[in-house]
Amino acid sequence: AAGDLGRVVRVVKLLGFVNAIPTFSDHPKVVNGCSDLFAAVFDNIGGHARSAIGVGSLPGNITVEIEAVVEIAA
């Protein structure tokens, strides 16, 4: 949507939904993959607040859904 990753000022927050069975409790470890990717791509501006939530289902039976709030330069 920004047209260029160079316009990213900072990653503000990630929210990860993990499709899991009721006894699974490692949701944060699953969402770590996304946090690690953002840190690798954006370096110092990739640090962010984060939430990881387990859910019983997701659209299309996908395994993970990520919502990102990113500040973009004008």
PDB file of N, CA and C in Angstrom:
ATOM      1  N   ALA A   1       0.818  -1.193   0.000  1.00  0.00           N
ATOM      2  CA  ALA A   1       0.000   0.000   0.000  1.00  0.00           C
ATOM      3  C   ALA A   1       0.867   1.264   0.000  1.00  0.00           C
ATOM      4  N   ALA A   2       2.052   1.189   0.590  1.00  0.00           N
ATOM      5  CA  ALA A   2       2.938   2.352   0.640  1.00  0.00           C
ATOM      6  C   ALA A   2       3.639   2.586  -0.692  1.00  0.00           C
ATOM      7  N   GLY A   3       3.716   1.550  -1.514  1.00  0.00           N
ATOM      8  CA  GLY A   3       4.372   1.673  -2.798  1.00  0.00           C
ATOM      9  C   GLY A   3       5.868   1.410  -2.757  1.00  0.00           C
ATOM     10  N   ASP A   4       6.494   1.595  -1.579  1.00  0.00           N
ATOM     11  CA  ASP A   4       7.942   1.431  -1.455  1.00  0.00           C
ATOM     12  C   ASP A   4       8.269   1.210   0.018  1.00  0.00           C
ATOM     13  N   LEU A   5       8.978   0.135   0.333  1.00  0.00           N
ATOM     14  CA  LEU A   5       9.329  -0.137   1.729  1.00  0.00           C
ATOM     15  C   LEU A   5      10.227   0.943   2.321  1.00  0.00           C
ATOM     16  N   GLY A   6      10.876   1.714   1.471  1.00  0.00           N
ATOM     17  CA  GLY A   6      11.700   2.820   1.936  1.00  0.00           C
ATOM     18  C   GLY A   6      10.897   3.926   2.607  1.00  0.00           C
ATOM     19  N   ARG A   7       9.588   3.934   2.404  1.00  0.00           N
ATOM     20  CA  ARG A   7       8.728   4.941   3.035  1.00  0.00           C
ATOM     21  C   ARG A   7       8.335   4.565   4.457  1.00  0.00           C
ATOM     22  N   VAL A   8       8.671   3.357   4.894  1.00  0.00           N
ATOM     23  CA  VAL A   8       8.323   2.938   6.251  1.00  0.00           C
ATOM     24  C   VAL A   8       9.176   3.708   7.247  1.00  0.00           C
ATOM     25  N   VAL A   9       8.512   4.414   8.157  1.00  0.00           N
ATOM     26  CA  VAL A   9       9.187   5.174   9.210  1.00  0.00           C
ATOM     27  C   VAL A   9       9.464   4.259  10.395  1.00  0.00           C
ATOM     28  N   ARG A  10       8.478   3.442  10.740  1.00  0.00           N
ATOM     29  CA  ARG A  10       8.648   2.473  11.825  1.00  0.00           C
ATOM     30  C   ARG A  10       7.495   1.483  11.806  1.00  0.00           C
ATOM     31  N   VAL A  11       7.763   0.316  12.368  1.00  0.00           N
ATOM     32  CA  VAL A  11       6.724  -0.683  12.596  1.00  0.00           C
ATOM     33  C   VAL A  11       6.198  -0.417  13.998  1.00  0.00           C
ATOM     34  N   VAL A  12       4.917  -0.143  14.118  1.00  0.00           N
ATOM     35  CA  VAL A  12       4.337   0.245  15.401  1.00  0.00           C
ATOM     36  C   VAL A  12       3.892  -0.984  16.187  1.00  0.00           C
ATOM     37  N   LYS A  13       3.084  -1.856  15.558  1.00  0.00           N
ATOM     38  CA  LYS A  13       2.527  -2.992  16.284  1.00  0.00           C
ATOM     39  C   LYS A  13       2.149  -4.113  15.335  1.00  0.00           C
ATOM     40  N   LEU A  14       2.316  -5.340  15.810  1.00  0.00           N
ATOM     41  CA  LEU A  14       1.827  -6.522  15.115  1.00  0.00           C
ATOM     42  C   LEU A  14       0.811  -7.223  16.000  1.00  0.00           C
ATOM     43  N   LEU A  15      -0.218  -7.761  15.368  1.00  0.00           N
ATOM     44  CA  LEU A  15      -1.203  -8.589  16.054  1.00  0.00           C
ATOM     45  C   LEU A  15      -1.282  -9.884  15.277  1.00  0.00           C
ATOM     46  N   GLY A  16      -0.964 -10.996  15.923  1.00  0.00           N
ATOM     47  CA  GLY A  16      -0.976 -12.290  15.262  1.00  0.00           C
ATOM     48  C   GLY A  16      -2.046 -13.200  15.816  1.00  0.00           C
ATOM     49  N   PHE A  17      -2.859 -13.751  14.924  1.00  0.00           N
ATOM     50  CA  PHE A  17      -3.866 -14.747  15.285  1.00  0.00           C
ATOM     51  C   PHE A  17      -3.355 -16.102  14.808  1.00  0.00           C
ATOM     52  N   VAL A  18      -3.296 -17.072  15.704  1.00  0.00           N
ATOM     53  CA  VAL A  18      -2.779 -18.394  15.383  1.00  0.00           C
ATOM     54  C   VAL A  18      -3.917 -19.408  15.481  1.00  0.00           C
ATOM     55  N   ASN A  19      -4.195 -20.107  14.376  1.00  0.00           N
ATOM     56  CA  ASN A  19      -5.228 -21.136  14.328  1.00  0.00           C
ATOM     57  C   ASN A  19      -4.680 -22.366  15.045  1.00  0.00           C
ATOM     58  N   ALA A  20      -5.262 -22.725  16.182  1.00  0.00           N
ATOM     59  CA  ALA A  20      -4.688 -23.794  16.995  1.00  0.00           C
ATOM     60  C   ALA A  20      -5.750 -24.569  17.769  1.00  0.00           C
ATOM     61  N   ILE A  21      -5.362 -25.757  18.180  1.00  0.00           N
ATOM     62  CA  ILE A  21      -6.232 -26.564  19.038  1.00  0.00           C
ATOM     63  C   ILE A  21      -6.204 -25.975  20.449  1.00  0.00           C
ATOM     64  N   PRO A  22      -7.228 -26.274  21.264  1.00  0.00           N
ATOM     65  CA  PRO A  22      -7.321 -25.654  22.598  1.00  0.00           C
ATOM     66  C   PRO A  22      -6.116 -25.901  23.513  1.00  0.00           C
ATOM     67  N   THR A  23      -5.411 -27.002  23.355  1.00  0.00           N
ATOM     68  CA  THR A  23      -4.293 -27.298  24.258  1.00  0.00           C
ATOM     69  C   THR A  23      -2.962 -26.687  23.812  1.00  0.00           C
ATOM     70  N   PHE A  24      -2.929 -26.072  22.629  1.00  0.00           N
ATOM     71  CA  PHE A  24      -1.699 -25.434  22.143  1.00  0.00           C
ATOM     72  C   PHE A  24      -1.489 -24.129  22.892  1.00  0.00           C
ATOM     73  N   SER A  25      -0.259 -23.881  23.352  1.00  0.00           N
ATOM     74  CA  SER A  25      -0.020 -22.660  24.137  1.00  0.00           C
ATOM     75  C   SER A  25       1.207 -21.869  23.674  1.00  0.00           C
ATOM     76  N   ASP A  26       1.773 -22.216  22.547  1.00  0.00           N
ATOM     77  CA  ASP A  26       2.980 -21.535  22.075  1.00  0.00           C
ATOM     78  C   ASP A  26       2.693 -20.494  20.997  1.00  0.00           C
ATOM     79  N   HIS A  27       1.569 -19.817  21.098  1.00  0.00           N
ATOM     80  CA  HIS A  27       1.201 -18.804  20.112  1.00  0.00           C
ATOM     81  C   HIS A  27       2.299 -17.749  19.927  1.00  0.00           C
ATOM     82  N   PRO A  28       2.891 -17.253  21.009  1.00  0.00           N
ATOM     83  CA  PRO A  28       3.945 -16.251  20.820  1.00  0.00           C
ATOM     84  C   PRO A  28       5.121 -16.768  19.993  1.00  0.00           C
ATOM     85  N   LYS A  29       5.472 -18.040  20.144  1.00  0.00           N
ATOM     86  CA  LYS A  29       6.582 -18.596  19.369  1.00  0.00           C
ATOM     87  C   LYS A  29       6.256 -18.609  17.878  1.00  0.00           C
ATOM     88  N   VAL A  30       5.000 -18.861  17.534  1.00  0.00           N
ATOM     89  CA  VAL A  30       4.590 -18.859  16.134  1.00  0.00           C
ATOM     90  C   VAL A  30       4.717 -17.451  15.554  1.00  0.00           C
ATOM     91  N   VAL A  31       4.249 -16.457  16.283  1.00  0.00           N
ATOM     92  CA  VAL A  31       4.266 -15.079  15.797  1.00  0.00           C
ATOM     93  C   VAL A  31       5.683 -14.501  15.826  1.00  0.00           C
ATOM     94  N   ASN A  32       6.592 -15.129  16.579  1.00  0.00           N
ATOM     95  CA  ASN A  32       7.998 -14.700  16.569  1.00  0.00           C
ATOM     96  C   ASN A  32       8.558 -14.685  15.158  1.00  0.00           C
ATOM     97  N   GLY A  33       8.101 -15.602  14.313  1.00  0.00           N
ATOM     98  CA  GLY A  33       8.586 -15.640  12.930  1.00  0.00           C
ATOM     99  C   GLY A  33       8.340 -14.328  12.204  1.00  0.00           C
ATOM    100  N   CYS A  34       7.172 -13.755  12.410  1.00  0.00           N
ATOM    101  CA  CYS A  34       6.854 -12.477  11.776  1.00  0.00           C
ATOM    102  C   CYS A  34       7.676 -11.353  12.404  1.00  0.00           C
ATOM    103  N   SER A  35       7.777 -11.345  13.711  1.00  0.00           N
ATOM    104  CA  SER A  35       8.576 -10.316  14.385  1.00  0.00           C
ATOM    105  C   SER A  35      10.021 -10.367  13.919  1.00  0.00           C
ATOM    106  N   ASP A  36      10.568 -11.577  13.800  1.00  0.00           N
ATOM    107  CA  ASP A  36      11.951 -11.741  13.341  1.00  0.00           C
ATOM    108  C   ASP A  36      12.117 -11.239  11.912  1.00  0.00           C
ATOM    109  N   LEU A  37      11.142 -11.521  11.052  1.00  0.00           N
ATOM    110  CA  LEU A  37      11.195 -11.053   9.666  1.00  0.00           C
ATOM    111  C   LEU A  37      11.188  -9.522   9.604  1.00  0.00           C
ATOM    112  N   PHE A  38      10.291  -8.894  10.347  1.00  0.00           N
ATOM    113  CA  PHE A  38      10.226  -7.432  10.340  1.00  0.00           C
ATOM    114  C   PHE A  38      11.523  -6.835  10.876  1.00  0.00           C
ATOM    115  N   ALA A  39      12.115  -7.443  11.899  1.00  0.00           N
ATOM    116  CA  ALA A  39      13.380  -6.952  12.449  1.00  0.00           C
ATOM    117  C   ALA A  39      14.500  -7.083  11.414  1.00  0.00           C
ATOM    118  N   ALA A  40      14.500  -8.178  10.662  1.00  0.00           N
ATOM    119  CA  ALA A  40      15.527  -8.385   9.643  1.00  0.00           C
ATOM    120  C   ALA A  40      15.369  -7.416   8.470  1.00  0.00           C
ATOM    121  N   VAL A  41      14.138  -7.179   8.052  1.00  0.00           N
ATOM    122  CA  VAL A  41      13.883  -6.311   6.903  1.00  0.00           C
ATOM    123  C   VAL A  41      14.072  -4.840   7.260  1.00  0.00           C
ATOM    124  N   PHE A  42      13.576  -4.442   8.435  1.00  0.00           N
ATOM    125  CA  PHE A  42      13.558  -3.024   8.782  1.00  0.00           C
ATOM    126  C   PHE A  42      14.617  -2.609   9.801  1.00  0.00           C
ATOM    127  N   ASP A  43      15.421  -3.531  10.285  1.00  0.00           N
ATOM    128  CA  ASP A  43      16.521  -3.245  11.204  1.00  0.00           C
ATOM    129  C   ASP A  43      16.040  -2.435  12.410  1.00  0.00           C
ATOM    130  N   ASN A  44      16.617  -1.262  12.650  1.00  0.00           N
ATOM    131  CA  ASN A  44      16.309  -0.472  13.851  1.00  0.00           C
ATOM    132  C   ASN A  44      14.864   0.014  13.933  1.00  0.00           C
ATOM    133  N   ILE A  45      14.206   0.193  12.804  1.00  0.00           N
ATOM    134  CA  ILE A  45      12.822   0.679  12.826  1.00  0.00           C
ATOM    135  C   ILE A  45      11.813  -0.473  12.850  1.00  0.00           C
ATOM    136  N   GLY A  46      12.317  -1.710  12.938  1.00  0.00           N
ATOM    137  CA  GLY A  46      11.438  -2.876  12.930  1.00  0.00           C
ATOM    138  C   GLY A  46      10.942  -3.305  14.292  1.00  0.00           C
ATOM    139  N   GLY A  47      11.492  -2.717  15.374  1.00  0.00           N
ATOM    140  CA  GLY A  47      11.023  -3.051  16.722  1.00  0.00           C
ATOM    141  C   GLY A  47       9.586  -2.607  16.893  1.00  0.00           C
ATOM    142  N   HIS A  48       8.783  -3.381  17.619  1.00  0.00           N
ATOM    143  CA  HIS A  48       7.350  -3.091  17.687  1.00  0.00           C
ATOM    144  C   HIS A  48       6.711  -3.707  18.918  1.00  0.00           C
ATOM    145  N   ALA A  49       5.541  -3.190  19.264  1.00  0.00           N
ATOM    146  CA  ALA A  49       4.694  -3.837  20.260  1.00  0.00           C
ATOM    147  C   ALA A  49       4.034  -5.014  19.549  1.00  0.00           C
ATOM    148  N   ARG A  50       3.591  -6.025  20.318  1.00  0.00           N
ATOM    149  CA  ARG A  50       3.036  -7.195  19.666  1.00  0.00           C
ATOM    150  C   ARG A  50       2.072  -7.940  20.572  1.00  0.00           C
ATOM    151  N   SER A  51       1.069  -8.527  19.956  1.00  0.00           N
ATOM    152  CA  SER A  51       0.148  -9.426  20.643  1.00  0.00           C
ATOM    153  C   SER A  51       0.038 -10.694  19.820  1.00  0.00           C
ATOM    154  N   ALA A  52      -0.073 -11.835  20.502  1.00  0.00           N
ATOM    155  CA  ALA A  52      -0.266 -13.125  19.841  1.00  0.00           C
ATOM    156  C   ALA A  52      -1.449 -13.812  20.502  1.00  0.00           C
ATOM    157  N   ILE A  53      -2.416 -14.190  19.689  1.00  0.00           N
ATOM    158  CA  ILE A  53      -3.663 -14.744  20.206  1.00  0.00           C
ATOM    159  C   ILE A  53      -3.972 -16.060  19.510  1.00  0.00           C
ATOM    160  N   GLY A  54      -4.380 -17.058  20.274  1.00  0.00           N
ATOM    161  CA  GLY A  54      -4.815 -18.327  19.707  1.00  0.00           C
ATOM    162  C   GLY A  54      -6.309 -18.295  19.438  1.00  0.00           C
ATOM    163  N   VAL A  55      -6.703 -18.830  18.277  1.00  0.00           N
ATOM    164  CA  VAL A  55      -8.114 -18.875  17.902  1.00  0.00           C
ATOM    165  C   VAL A  55      -8.459 -20.276  17.390  1.00  0.00           C
ATOM    166  N   GLY A  56      -9.749 -20.606  17.417  1.00  0.00           N
ATOM    167  CA  GLY A  56     -10.210 -21.918  16.988  1.00  0.00           C
ATOM    168  C   GLY A  56     -10.321 -22.086  15.495  1.00  0.00           C
ATOM    169  N   SER A  57     -10.381 -20.988  14.755  1.00  0.00           N
ATOM    170  CA  SER A  57     -10.433 -21.062  13.292  1.00  0.00           C
ATOM    171  C   SER A  57     -10.108 -19.698  12.714  1.00  0.00           C
ATOM    172  N   LEU A  58      -9.684 -19.721  11.452  1.00  0.00           N
ATOM    173  CA  LEU A  58      -9.416 -18.499  10.699  1.00  0.00           C
ATOM    174  C   LEU A  58      -9.997 -18.671   9.298  1.00  0.00           C
ATOM    175  N   PRO A  59     -10.280 -17.576   8.602  1.00  0.00           N
ATOM    176  CA  PRO A  59     -10.867 -17.680   7.262  1.00  0.00           C
ATOM    177  C   PRO A  59     -10.018 -18.558   6.336  1.00  0.00           C
ATOM    178  N   GLY A  60     -10.692 -19.401   5.589  1.00  0.00           N
ATOM    179  CA  GLY A  60      -9.985 -20.280   4.657  1.00  0.00           C
ATOM    180  C   GLY A  60      -9.127 -21.324   5.345  1.00  0.00           C
ATOM    181  N   ASN A  61      -9.327 -21.497   6.634  1.00  0.00           N
ATOM    182  CA  ASN A  61      -8.555 -22.442   7.447  1.00  0.00           C
ATOM    183  C   ASN A  61      -7.054 -22.147   7.394  1.00  0.00           C
ATOM    184  N   ILE A  62      -6.679 -20.852   7.222  1.00  0.00           N
ATOM    185  CA  ILE A  62      -5.265 -20.490   7.230  1.00  0.00           C
ATOM    186  C   ILE A  62      -4.694 -20.709   8.626  1.00  0.00           C
ATOM    187  N   THR A  63      -3.382 -20.808   8.732  1.00  0.00           N
ATOM    188  CA  THR A  63      -2.767 -21.098  10.028  1.00  0.00           C
ATOM    189  C   THR A  63      -2.490 -19.852  10.856  1.00  0.00           C
ATOM    190  N   VAL A  64      -2.123 -18.757  10.191  1.00  0.00           N
ATOM    191  CA  VAL A  64      -1.769 -17.528  10.910  1.00  0.00           C
ATOM    192  C   VAL A  64      -2.277 -16.318  10.129  1.00  0.00           C
ATOM    193  N   GLU A  65      -2.799 -15.349  10.862  1.00  0.00           N
ATOM    194  CA  GLU A  65      -3.169 -14.068  10.254  1.00  0.00           C
ATOM    195  C   GLU A  65      -2.450 -12.972  11.023  1.00  0.00           C
ATOM    196  N   ILE A  66      -1.812 -12.067  10.301  1.00  0.00           N
ATOM    197  CA  ILE A  66      -1.052 -10.977  10.916  1.00  0.00           C
ATOM    198  C   ILE A  66      -1.660  -9.637  10.526  1.00  0.00           C
ATOM    199  N   GLU A  67      -1.844  -8.794  11.513  1.00  0.00           N
ATOM    200  CA  GLU A  67      -2.241  -7.398  11.277  1.00  0.00           C
ATOM    201  C   GLU A  67      -1.064  -6.538  11.695  1.00  0.00           C
ATOM    202  N   ALA A  68      -0.641  -5.628  10.831  1.00  0.00           N
ATOM    203  CA  ALA A  68       0.494  -4.767  11.134  1.00  0.00           C
ATOM    204  C   ALA A  68       0.083  -3.309  11.075  1.00  0.00           C
ATOM    205  N   VAL A  69       0.510  -2.542  12.058  1.00  0.00           N
ATOM    206  CA  VAL A  69       0.348  -1.093  12.051  1.00  0.00           C
ATOM    207  C   VAL A  69       1.738  -0.521  11.781  1.00  0.00           C
ATOM    208  N   VAL A  70       1.855   0.178  10.656  1.00  0.00           N
ATOM    209  CA  VAL A  70       3.151   0.682  10.206  1.00  0.00           C
ATOM    210  C   VAL A  70       3.016   2.171   9.908  1.00  0.00           C
ATOM    211  N   GLU A  71       3.961   2.963  10.418  1.00  0.00           N
ATOM    212  CA  GLU A  71       3.977   4.395  10.106  1.00  0.00           C
ATOM    213  C   GLU A  71       4.690   4.598   8.767  1.00  0.00           C
ATOM    214  N   ILE A  72       4.024   5.343   7.874  1.00  0.00           N
ATOM    215  CA  ILE A  72       4.536   5.588   6.535  1.00  0.00           C
ATOM    216  C   ILE A  72       4.846   7.075   6.362  1.00  0.00           C
ATOM    217  N   ALA A  73       5.984   7.397   5.759  1.00  0.00           N
ATOM    218  CA  ALA A  73       6.324   8.786   5.477  1.00  0.00           C
ATOM    219  C   ALA A  73       5.423   9.331   4.379  1.00  0.00           C
ATOM    220  N   ALA A  74       5.070  10.594   4.497  1.00  0.00           N
ATOM    221  CA  ALA A  74       4.208  11.231   3.495  1.00  0.00           C
ATOM    222  C   ALA A  74       4.907  11.424   2.184  1.00  0.00           C
TER     223      ALA A  74
END
